[in-house]
Protein backbone atom coordinates (compact mmCIF):
# COMPACT_ATOMS: atom_id res chain seq x y z
CA UNK A 1 72.30 -25.41 66.93
CA UNK A 2 72.37 -25.63 70.71
CA UNK A 3 72.94 -22.22 72.31
CA UNK A 4 72.81 -23.06 76.02
CA UNK A 5 75.60 -24.67 77.96
CA UNK A 6 75.28 -28.30 78.77
CA UNK A 7 74.99 -29.02 82.50
CA UNK A 8 78.17 -30.23 84.09
CA UNK A 9 78.42 -32.42 87.13
CA UNK A 10 81.42 -32.44 89.43
CA UNK A 11 83.31 -35.68 89.26
CA UNK A 12 83.19 -37.86 92.31
CA UNK A 13 86.58 -38.19 93.94
CA UNK A 14 88.10 -41.62 93.83
CA UNK A 15 89.54 -42.99 97.04
CA UNK A 16 93.29 -42.85 97.27
CA UNK A 17 95.05 -46.16 96.83
CA UNK A 18 97.37 -46.74 99.77
CA UNK A 19 100.98 -46.84 98.65
CA UNK A 20 102.93 -49.95 99.46
CA UNK A 21 105.96 -49.63 101.68
CA UNK A 22 109.28 -50.10 99.91
CA UNK A 23 111.09 -53.38 100.46
CA UNK A 24 114.16 -52.93 102.67
CA UNK A 25 117.27 -55.10 102.48
CA UNK A 26 120.55 -55.01 104.42
CA UNK A 27 123.62 -55.98 102.36
CA UNK A 28 127.08 -55.58 103.87
CA UNK A 29 126.04 -52.81 106.24
CA UNK A 30 124.21 -50.78 103.56
CA UNK A 31 120.40 -50.52 103.58
CA UNK A 32 118.73 -50.74 100.18
CA UNK A 33 115.12 -49.75 99.47
CA UNK A 34 113.48 -51.24 96.40
CA UNK A 35 110.08 -50.94 94.77
CA UNK A 36 107.68 -53.56 96.19
CA UNK A 37 106.06 -54.05 92.78
CA UNK A 38 108.94 -54.40 90.33
CA UNK A 39 112.05 -54.55 92.55
CA UNK A 40 113.78 -51.46 91.14
CA UNK A 41 116.40 -50.10 93.57
CA UNK A 42 115.10 -46.76 94.81
CA UNK A 43 117.84 -45.66 97.20
CA UNK A 44 120.63 -46.72 99.55
CA UNK A 45 121.76 -45.45 102.95
CA UNK A 46 123.88 -46.47 105.92
CA UNK A 47 120.97 -46.41 108.38
CA UNK A 48 117.54 -47.99 108.07
CA UNK A 49 115.77 -44.79 109.12
CA UNK A 50 117.56 -42.69 106.50
CA UNK A 51 116.85 -45.28 103.82
CA UNK A 52 113.14 -45.26 104.68
CA UNK A 53 113.05 -41.45 104.56
CA UNK A 54 114.74 -41.33 101.17
CA UNK A 55 112.51 -44.07 99.75
CA UNK A 56 109.33 -42.23 100.80
CA UNK A 57 110.36 -39.28 98.63
CA UNK A 58 111.14 -41.38 95.55
CA UNK A 59 108.78 -42.60 92.86
CA UNK A 60 109.63 -45.73 90.94
CA UNK A 61 110.64 -44.76 87.38
CA UNK A 62 109.81 -48.23 86.06
CA UNK A 63 106.25 -48.82 87.25
CA UNK A 64 105.52 -45.25 88.46
CA UNK A 65 104.49 -46.41 91.92
CA UNK A 66 104.95 -44.09 94.97
CA UNK A 67 106.95 -45.76 97.74
């Protein structure tokens, strides 16, 4: 039986994958942000800036991608 601990090596960090920007659409004066991968609607807002801010905080529940 082995009594000593096996040596452990720290894992090398993997580089972060850059998140894709959400796709923005303007329909009837309402901005809509959708997932760039699957097209799921993430959020809506009256201004483009607010829509972008909301979309950055949301994660797509379908493909689990960060916007």
